[in-house]
Structures are given as structure tokens and as C-alpha cells.
Amino acid sequence: MTHKKKWLLLAPSGLLLIGAGACLVGWANTLKTRGGPPAKWIAAGTVALATLNAGVSVVGQSVIERVLHELREQPVAKQAAK
């Protein structure tokens, strides 16, 4: 798989994970403020933060793939055009 394809796959996936994680953080907060059982909102918060952090990691990897695309694949295209 090329760096461009990886970037095009990872960037939206990471953004979706970040959005889902943010929503889950709000849900866990709602559970806590409504006086839900601690085990429930702690578990929900843990899942929420794991999802959010996974999204940040995936976006970070997509940035790496984009830079590799720029460094490795773009110069080849410019040389072929000459």
C-alpha cells in the first residue's frame, strides 16, 4: 500500500475516533454528574479516553504517512514529468 493510500485511510479514521472518543467522554461525564454507580462511569471514561487517545495516535500516523508521501513519492513524479 502506498503512503498516499495509507494517509487517505488513516486521516479520516483517526478523526472519527477522536470524535467518538469526545462523545464518549461527554457520556461518561453525564453518567457521573447524574450520580451513576462509580464502576459504570469509570469504565465508560476509561473506554472514552482510550478511544480518544487511539484517534490521536492514528492521526499522528497519518501525518507520518503524508510526510513520507511528500518526501518519497512526489520527487519521483516530478522527475518522470521532465
PDB file of N, CA and C in Angstrom:
ATOM      1  N   MET A   1       0.852  -1.178   0.000  1.00  0.00           N
ATOM      2  CA  MET A   1       0.000   0.000   0.000  1.00  0.00           C
ATOM      3  C   MET A   1       0.895   1.237   0.000  1.00  0.00           C
ATOM      4  N   THR A   2       0.559   2.202  -0.816  1.00  0.00           N
ATOM      5  CA  THR A   2       1.370   3.413  -0.902  1.00  0.00           C
ATOM      6  C   THR A   2       1.144   4.307   0.313  1.00  0.00           C
ATOM      7  N   HIS A   3       2.081   5.223   0.512  1.00  0.00           N
ATOM      8  CA  HIS A   3       1.948   6.161   1.629  1.00  0.00           C
ATOM      9  C   HIS A   3       0.709   7.034   1.470  1.00  0.00           C
ATOM     10  N   LYS A   4       0.382   7.372   0.228  1.00  0.00           N
ATOM     11  CA  LYS A   4      -0.801   8.204  -0.005  1.00  0.00           C
ATOM     12  C   LYS A   4      -2.074   7.456   0.384  1.00  0.00           C
ATOM     13  N   LYS A   5      -2.148   6.184   0.001  1.00  0.00           N
ATOM     14  CA  LYS A   5      -3.342   5.400   0.354  1.00  0.00           C
ATOM     15  C   LYS A   5      -3.455   5.228   1.863  1.00  0.00           C
ATOM     16  N   LYS A   6      -2.327   4.995   2.534  1.00  0.00           N
ATOM     17  CA  LYS A   6      -2.345   4.880   3.992  1.00  0.00           C
ATOM     18  C   LYS A   6      -2.819   6.182   4.620  1.00  0.00           C
ATOM     19  N   TRP A   7      -2.295   7.302   4.099  1.00  0.00           N
ATOM     20  CA  TRP A   7      -2.691   8.596   4.630  1.00  0.00           C
ATOM     21  C   TRP A   7      -4.192   8.836   4.436  1.00  0.00           C
ATOM     22  N   LEU A   8      -4.683   8.519   3.236  1.00  0.00           N
ATOM     23  CA  LEU A   8      -6.101   8.725   2.943  1.00  0.00           C
ATOM     24  C   LEU A   8      -7.008   7.813   3.765  1.00  0.00           C
ATOM     25  N   LEU A   9      -6.490   6.698   4.228  1.00  0.00           N
ATOM     26  CA  LEU A   9      -7.255   5.795   5.087  1.00  0.00           C
ATOM     27  C   LEU A   9      -7.160   6.210   6.556  1.00  0.00           C
ATOM     28  N   LEU A  10      -5.955   6.549   6.986  1.00  0.00           N
ATOM     29  CA  LEU A  10      -5.738   6.834   8.402  1.00  0.00           C
ATOM     30  C   LEU A  10      -6.301   8.177   8.861  1.00  0.00           C
ATOM     31  N   ALA A  11      -6.201   9.201   8.037  1.00  0.00           N
ATOM     32  CA  ALA A  11      -6.635  10.538   8.462  1.00  0.00           C
ATOM     33  C   ALA A  11      -8.121  10.574   8.837  1.00  0.00           C
ATOM     34  N   PRO A  12      -9.033  10.133   7.960  1.00  0.00           N
ATOM     35  CA  PRO A  12     -10.442  10.171   8.363  1.00  0.00           C
ATOM     36  C   PRO A  12     -10.760   9.197   9.500  1.00  0.00           C
ATOM     37  N   SER A  13     -10.073   8.056   9.519  1.00  0.00           N
ATOM     38  CA  SER A  13     -10.311   7.085  10.596  1.00  0.00           C
ATOM     39  C   SER A  13      -9.927   7.686  11.947  1.00  0.00           C
ATOM     40  N   GLY A  14      -8.798   8.354  11.973  1.00  0.00           N
ATOM     41  CA  GLY A  14      -8.363   8.994  13.213  1.00  0.00           C
ATOM     42  C   GLY A  14      -9.311  10.086  13.664  1.00  0.00           C
ATOM     43  N   LEU A  15      -9.789  10.865  12.712  1.00  0.00           N
ATOM     44  CA  LEU A  15     -10.732  11.930  13.068  1.00  0.00           C
ATOM     45  C   LEU A  15     -12.049  11.360  13.589  1.00  0.00           C
ATOM     46  N   LEU A  16     -12.485  10.256  13.001  1.00  0.00           N
ATOM     47  CA  LEU A  16     -13.697   9.598  13.508  1.00  0.00           C
ATOM     48  C   LEU A  16     -13.492   9.079  14.925  1.00  0.00           C
ATOM     49  N   LEU A  17     -12.328   8.501  15.184  1.00  0.00           N
ATOM     50  CA  LEU A  17     -12.043   8.005  16.536  1.00  0.00           C
ATOM     51  C   LEU A  17     -11.979   9.152  17.549  1.00  0.00           C
ATOM     52  N   ILE A  18     -11.384  10.267  17.153  1.00  0.00           N
ATOM     53  CA  ILE A  18     -11.330  11.422  18.052  1.00  0.00           C
ATOM     54  C   ILE A  18     -12.740  11.913  18.370  1.00  0.00           C
ATOM     55  N   GLY A  19     -13.571  12.018  17.343  1.00  0.00           N
ATOM     56  CA  GLY A  19     -14.955  12.458  17.565  1.00  0.00           C
ATOM     57  C   GLY A  19     -15.731  11.493  18.447  1.00  0.00           C
ATOM     58  N   ALA A  20     -15.572  10.199  18.186  1.00  0.00           N
ATOM     59  CA  ALA A  20     -16.261   9.197  19.005  1.00  0.00           C
ATOM     60  C   ALA A  20     -15.766   9.251  20.443  1.00  0.00           C
ATOM     61  N   GLY A  21     -14.453   9.395  20.610  1.00  0.00           N
ATOM     62  CA  GLY A  21     -13.903   9.481  21.964  1.00  0.00           C
ATOM     63  C   GLY A  21     -14.404  10.705  22.711  1.00  0.00           C
ATOM     64  N   ALA A  22     -14.506  11.836  22.018  1.00  0.00           N
ATOM     65  CA  ALA A  22     -15.020  13.056  22.655  1.00  0.00           C
ATOM     66  C   ALA A  22     -16.477  12.883  23.076  1.00  0.00           C
ATOM     67  N   CYS A  23     -17.264  12.244  22.227  1.00  0.00           N
ATOM     68  CA  CYS A  23     -18.664  11.985  22.577  1.00  0.00           C
ATOM     69  C   CYS A  23     -18.763  11.052  23.777  1.00  0.00           C
ATOM     70  N   LEU A  24     -17.908  10.042  23.800  1.00  0.00           N
ATOM     71  CA  LEU A  24     -17.926   9.104  24.916  1.00  0.00           C
ATOM     72  C   LEU A  24     -17.484   9.762  26.223  1.00  0.00           C
ATOM     73  N   VAL A  25     -16.548  10.714  26.139  1.00  0.00           N
ATOM     74  CA  VAL A  25     -16.143  11.450  27.337  1.00  0.00           C
ATOM     75  C   VAL A  25     -17.343  12.219  27.891  1.00  0.00           C
ATOM     76  N   GLY A  26     -18.099  12.862  27.008  1.00  0.00           N
ATOM     77  CA  GLY A  26     -19.305  13.573  27.454  1.00  0.00           C
ATOM     78  C   GLY A  26     -20.326  12.645  28.081  1.00  0.00           C
ATOM     79  N   TRP A  27     -20.474  11.457  27.488  1.00  0.00           N
ATOM     80  CA  TRP A  27     -21.412  10.477  28.025  1.00  0.00           C
ATOM     81  C   TRP A  27     -20.965  10.015  29.414  1.00  0.00           C
ATOM     82  N   ALA A  28     -19.676   9.733  29.565  1.00  0.00           N
ATOM     83  CA  ALA A  28     -19.162   9.310  30.874  1.00  0.00           C
ATOM     84  C   ALA A  28     -19.344  10.420  31.908  1.00  0.00           C
ATOM     85  N   ASN A  29     -19.140  11.655  31.491  1.00  0.00           N
ATOM     86  CA  ASN A  29     -19.338  12.787  32.392  1.00  0.00           C
ATOM     87  C   ASN A  29     -20.795  12.898  32.820  1.00  0.00           C
ATOM     88  N   THR A  30     -21.703  12.661  31.879  1.00  0.00           N
ATOM     89  CA  THR A  30     -23.131  12.696  32.210  1.00  0.00           C
ATOM     90  C   THR A  30     -23.478  11.604  33.221  1.00  0.00           C
ATOM     91  N   LEU A  31     -22.920  10.418  33.014  1.00  0.00           N
ATOM     92  CA  LEU A  31     -23.154   9.328  33.972  1.00  0.00           C
ATOM     93  C   LEU A  31     -22.693   9.730  35.369  1.00  0.00           C
ATOM     94  N   LYS A  32     -21.544  10.385  35.444  1.00  0.00           N
ATOM     95  CA  LYS A  32     -21.001  10.789  36.737  1.00  0.00           C
ATOM     96  C   LYS A  32     -21.855  11.870  37.391  1.00  0.00           C
ATOM     97  N   THR A  33     -22.234  12.898  36.619  1.00  0.00           N
ATOM     98  CA  THR A  33     -22.988  14.003  37.210  1.00  0.00           C
ATOM     99  C   THR A  33     -24.395  13.600  37.623  1.00  0.00           C
ATOM    100  N   ARG A  34     -24.944  12.580  36.969  1.00  0.00           N
ATOM    101  CA  ARG A  34     -26.275  12.100  37.360  1.00  0.00           C
ATOM    102  C   ARG A  34     -26.232  11.131  38.537  1.00  0.00           C
ATOM    103  N   GLY A  35     -25.047  10.896  39.045  1.00  0.00           N
ATOM    104  CA  GLY A  35     -24.919  10.050  40.232  1.00  0.00           C
ATOM    105  C   GLY A  35     -24.958   8.559  39.942  1.00  0.00           C
ATOM    106  N   GLY A  36     -24.527   8.182  38.766  1.00  0.00           N
ATOM    107  CA  GLY A  36     -24.487   6.768  38.413  1.00  0.00           C
ATOM    108  C   GLY A  36     -23.461   6.021  39.252  1.00  0.00           C
ATOM    109  N   PRO A  37     -23.528   4.709  39.225  1.00  0.00           N
ATOM    110  CA  PRO A  37     -22.563   3.928  40.003  1.00  0.00           C
ATOM    111  C   PRO A  37     -21.133   4.195  39.513  1.00  0.00           C
ATOM    112  N   PRO A  38     -20.206   4.355  40.442  1.00  0.00           N
ATOM    113  CA  PRO A  38     -18.831   4.687  40.045  1.00  0.00           C
ATOM    114  C   PRO A  38     -18.210   3.688  39.064  1.00  0.00           C
ATOM    115  N   ALA A  39     -18.492   2.423  39.245  1.00  0.00           N
ATOM    116  CA  ALA A  39     -17.900   1.427  38.343  1.00  0.00           C
ATOM    117  C   ALA A  39     -18.334   1.682  36.900  1.00  0.00           C
ATOM    118  N   LYS A  40     -19.572   2.126  36.714  1.00  0.00           N
ATOM    119  CA  LYS A  40     -20.082   2.350  35.369  1.00  0.00           C
ATOM    120  C   LYS A  40     -19.423   3.558  34.712  1.00  0.00           C
ATOM    121  N   TRP A  41     -19.373   4.711  35.409  1.00  0.00           N
ATOM    122  CA  TRP A  41     -18.807   5.885  34.762  1.00  0.00           C
ATOM    123  C   TRP A  41     -17.277   5.823  34.673  1.00  0.00           C
ATOM    124  N   ILE A  42     -16.632   5.100  35.586  1.00  0.00           N
ATOM    125  CA  ILE A  42     -15.181   4.924  35.483  1.00  0.00           C
ATOM    126  C   ILE A  42     -14.853   4.058  34.267  1.00  0.00           C
ATOM    127  N   ALA A  43     -15.608   2.982  34.088  1.00  0.00           N
ATOM    128  CA  ALA A  43     -15.390   2.122  32.907  1.00  0.00           C
ATOM    129  C   ALA A  43     -15.674   2.902  31.617  1.00  0.00           C
ATOM    130  N   ALA A  44     -16.770   3.661  31.621  1.00  0.00           N
ATOM    131  CA  ALA A  44     -17.115   4.451  30.431  1.00  0.00           C
ATOM    132  C   ALA A  44     -16.038   5.498  30.145  1.00  0.00           C
ATOM    133  N   GLY A  45     -15.534   6.138  31.174  1.00  0.00           N
ATOM    134  CA  GLY A  45     -14.486   7.137  30.999  1.00  0.00           C
ATOM    135  C   GLY A  45     -13.189   6.527  30.505  1.00  0.00           C
ATOM    136  N   THR A  46     -12.884   5.337  30.980  1.00  0.00           N
ATOM    137  CA  THR A  46     -11.670   4.654  30.529  1.00  0.00           C
ATOM    138  C   THR A  46     -11.761   4.304  29.046  1.00  0.00           C
ATOM    139  N   VAL A  47     -12.904   3.770  28.643  1.00  0.00           N
ATOM    140  CA  VAL A  47     -13.115   3.453  27.226  1.00  0.00           C
ATOM    141  C   VAL A  47     -13.074   4.732  26.392  1.00  0.00           C
ATOM    142  N   ALA A  48     -13.666   5.799  26.905  1.00  0.00           N
ATOM    143  CA  ALA A  48     -13.695   7.067  26.183  1.00  0.00           C
ATOM    144  C   ALA A  48     -12.287   7.616  25.968  1.00  0.00           C
ATOM    145  N   LEU A  49     -11.493   7.620  27.013  1.00  0.00           N
ATOM    146  CA  LEU A  49     -10.140   8.148  26.880  1.00  0.00           C
ATOM    147  C   LEU A  49      -9.268   7.260  26.002  1.00  0.00           C
ATOM    148  N   ALA A  50      -9.467   5.956  26.074  1.00  0.00           N
ATOM    149  CA  ALA A  50      -8.714   5.047  25.201  1.00  0.00           C
ATOM    150  C   ALA A  50      -9.069   5.307  23.737  1.00  0.00           C
ATOM    151  N   THR A  51     -10.352   5.526  23.466  1.00  0.00           N
ATOM    152  CA  THR A  51     -10.795   5.806  22.093  1.00  0.00           C
ATOM    153  C   THR A  51     -10.232   7.135  21.606  1.00  0.00           C
ATOM    154  N   LEU A  52     -10.292   8.129  22.447  1.00  0.00           N
ATOM    155  CA  LEU A  52      -9.768   9.450  22.089  1.00  0.00           C
ATOM    156  C   LEU A  52      -8.264   9.385  21.819  1.00  0.00           C
ATOM    157  N   ASN A  53      -7.525   8.719  22.688  1.00  0.00           N
ATOM    158  CA  ASN A  53      -6.074   8.604  22.506  1.00  0.00           C
ATOM    159  C   ASN A  53      -5.726   7.767  21.278  1.00  0.00           C
ATOM    160  N   ALA A  54      -6.516   6.743  20.997  1.00  0.00           N
ATOM    161  CA  ALA A  54      -6.287   5.954  19.786  1.00  0.00           C
ATOM    162  C   ALA A  54      -6.471   6.830  18.551  1.00  0.00           C
ATOM    163  N   GLY A  55      -7.466   7.691  18.575  1.00  0.00           N
ATOM    164  CA  GLY A  55      -7.688   8.603  17.458  1.00  0.00           C
ATOM    165  C   GLY A  55      -6.531   9.557  17.253  1.00  0.00           C
ATOM    166  N   VAL A  56      -5.990  10.077  18.339  1.00  0.00           N
ATOM    167  CA  VAL A  56      -4.839  10.980  18.237  1.00  0.00           C
ATOM    168  C   VAL A  56      -3.640  10.223  17.654  1.00  0.00           C
ATOM    169  N   SER A  57      -3.455   8.987  18.077  1.00  0.00           N
ATOM    170  CA  SER A  57      -2.350   8.177  17.551  1.00  0.00           C
ATOM    171  C   SER A  57      -2.516   7.896  16.066  1.00  0.00           C
ATOM    172  N   VAL A  58      -3.732   7.584  15.653  1.00  0.00           N
ATOM    173  CA  VAL A  58      -3.985   7.295  14.242  1.00  0.00           C
ATOM    174  C   VAL A  58      -3.776   8.551  13.399  1.00  0.00           C
ATOM    175  N   VAL A  59      -4.215   9.698  13.883  1.00  0.00           N
ATOM    176  CA  VAL A  59      -3.980  10.949  13.154  1.00  0.00           C
ATOM    177  C   VAL A  59      -2.483  11.232  13.068  1.00  0.00           C
ATOM    178  N   GLY A  60      -1.762  10.974  14.149  1.00  0.00           N
ATOM    179  CA  GLY A  60      -0.317  11.151  14.129  1.00  0.00           C
ATOM    180  C   GLY A  60       0.348  10.263  13.091  1.00  0.00           C
ATOM    181  N   GLN A  61      -0.094   9.019  13.007  1.00  0.00           N
ATOM    182  CA  GLN A  61       0.455   8.121  11.992  1.00  0.00           C
ATOM    183  C   GLN A  61       0.097   8.598  10.588  1.00  0.00           C
ATOM    184  N   SER A  62      -1.080   9.171  10.434  1.00  0.00           N
ATOM    185  CA  SER A  62      -1.452   9.679   9.112  1.00  0.00           C
ATOM    186  C   SER A  62      -0.563  10.847   8.705  1.00  0.00           C
ATOM    187  N   VAL A  63      -0.149  11.661   9.664  1.00  0.00           N
ATOM    188  CA  VAL A  63       0.776  12.757   9.369  1.00  0.00           C
ATOM    189  C   VAL A  63       2.120  12.189   8.913  1.00  0.00           C
ATOM    190  N   ILE A  64       2.573  11.137   9.579  1.00  0.00           N
ATOM    191  CA  ILE A  64       3.826  10.484   9.175  1.00  0.00           C
ATOM    192  C   ILE A  64       3.716   9.972   7.748  1.00  0.00           C
ATOM    193  N   GLU A  65       2.598   9.324   7.430  1.00  0.00           N
ATOM    194  CA  GLU A  65       2.415   8.798   6.076  1.00  0.00           C
ATOM    195  C   GLU A  65       2.359   9.919   5.046  1.00  0.00           C
ATOM    196  N   ARG A  66       1.761  11.038   5.396  1.00  0.00           N
ATOM    197  CA  ARG A  66       1.699  12.171   4.478  1.00  0.00           C
ATOM    198  C   ARG A  66       3.098  12.727   4.205  1.00  0.00           C
ATOM    199  N   VAL A  67       3.895  12.850   5.254  1.00  0.00           N
ATOM    200  CA  VAL A  67       5.256  13.355   5.084  1.00  0.00           C
ATOM    201  C   VAL A  67       6.073  12.383   4.238  1.00  0.00           C
ATOM    202  N   LEU A  68       5.941  11.089   4.495  1.00  0.00           N
ATOM    203  CA  LEU A  68       6.651  10.103   3.688  1.00  0.00           C
ATOM    204  C   LEU A  68       6.205  10.168   2.229  1.00  0.00           C
ATOM    205  N   HIS A  69       4.934  10.382   2.014  1.00  0.00           N
ATOM    206  CA  HIS A  69       4.425  10.552   0.650  1.00  0.00           C
ATOM    207  C   HIS A  69       5.093  11.746  -0.020  1.00  0.00           C
ATOM    208  N   GLU A  70       5.135  12.855   0.698  1.00  0.00           N
ATOM    209  CA  GLU A  70       5.743  14.066   0.143  1.00  0.00           C
ATOM    210  C   GLU A  70       7.229  13.858  -0.154  1.00  0.00           C
ATOM    211  N   LEU A  71       7.918  13.181   0.748  1.00  0.00           N
ATOM    212  CA  LEU A  71       9.363  13.015   0.592  1.00  0.00           C
ATOM    213  C   LEU A  71       9.743  11.965  -0.440  1.00  0.00           C
ATOM    214  N   ARG A  72       9.001  10.882  -0.500  1.00  0.00           N
ATOM    215  CA  ARG A  72       9.403   9.752  -1.325  1.00  0.00           C
ATOM    216  C   ARG A  72       8.701   9.659  -2.666  1.00  0.00           C
ATOM    217  N   GLU A  73       7.435  10.022  -2.720  1.00  0.00           N
ATOM    218  CA  GLU A  73       6.677   9.796  -3.947  1.00  0.00           C
ATOM    219  C   GLU A  73       6.573  11.033  -4.829  1.00  0.00           C
ATOM    220  N   GLN A  74       6.582  12.196  -4.269  1.00  0.00           N
ATOM    221  CA  GLN A  74       6.468  13.406  -5.070  1.00  0.00           C
ATOM    222  C   GLN A  74       7.695  13.663  -5.945  1.00  0.00           C
ATOM    223  N   PRO A  75       8.919  13.507  -5.430  1.00  0.00           N
ATOM    224  CA  PRO A  75      10.085  13.748  -6.308  1.00  0.00           C
ATOM    225  C   PRO A  75      10.121  12.809  -7.509  1.00  0.00           C
ATOM    226  N   VAL A  76       9.659  11.582  -7.347  1.00  0.00           N
ATOM    227  CA  VAL A  76       9.627  10.626  -8.460  1.00  0.00           C
ATOM    228  C   VAL A  76       8.677  11.122  -9.538  1.00  0.00           C
ATOM    229  N   ALA A  77       7.537  11.642  -9.157  1.00  0.00           N
ATOM    230  CA  ALA A  77       6.564  12.155 -10.118  1.00  0.00           C
ATOM    231  C   ALA A  77       7.131  13.373 -10.857  1.00  0.00           C
ATOM    232  N   LYS A  78       7.854  14.220 -10.162  1.00  0.00           N
ATOM    233  CA  LYS A  78       8.437  15.408 -10.800  1.00  0.00           C
ATOM    234  C   LYS A  78       9.528  15.016 -11.786  1.00  0.00           C
ATOM    235  N   GLN A  79      10.323  14.007 -11.458  1.00  0.00           N
ATOM    236  CA  GLN A  79      11.389  13.558 -12.362  1.00  0.00           C
ATOM    237  C   GLN A  79      10.802  12.897 -13.601  1.00  0.00           C
ATOM    238  N   ALA A  80       9.712  12.155 -13.426  1.00  0.00           N
ATOM    239  CA  ALA A  80       9.094  11.471 -14.564  1.00  0.00           C
ATOM    240  C   ALA A  80       8.478  12.484 -15.539  1.00  0.00           C
ATOM    241  N   ALA A  81       8.035  13.618 -15.037  1.00  0.00           N
ATOM    242  CA  ALA A  81       7.408  14.630 -15.882  1.00  0.00           C
ATOM    243  C   ALA A  81       8.447  15.330 -16.782  1.00  0.00           C
ATOM    244  N   LYS A  82       9.694  15.354 -16.349  1.00  0.00           N
ATOM    245  CA  LYS A  82      10.742  16.044 -17.129  1.00  0.00           C
ATOM    246  C   LYS A  82      11.136  15.229 -18.278  1.00  0.00           C
TER     247      LYS A  82
END
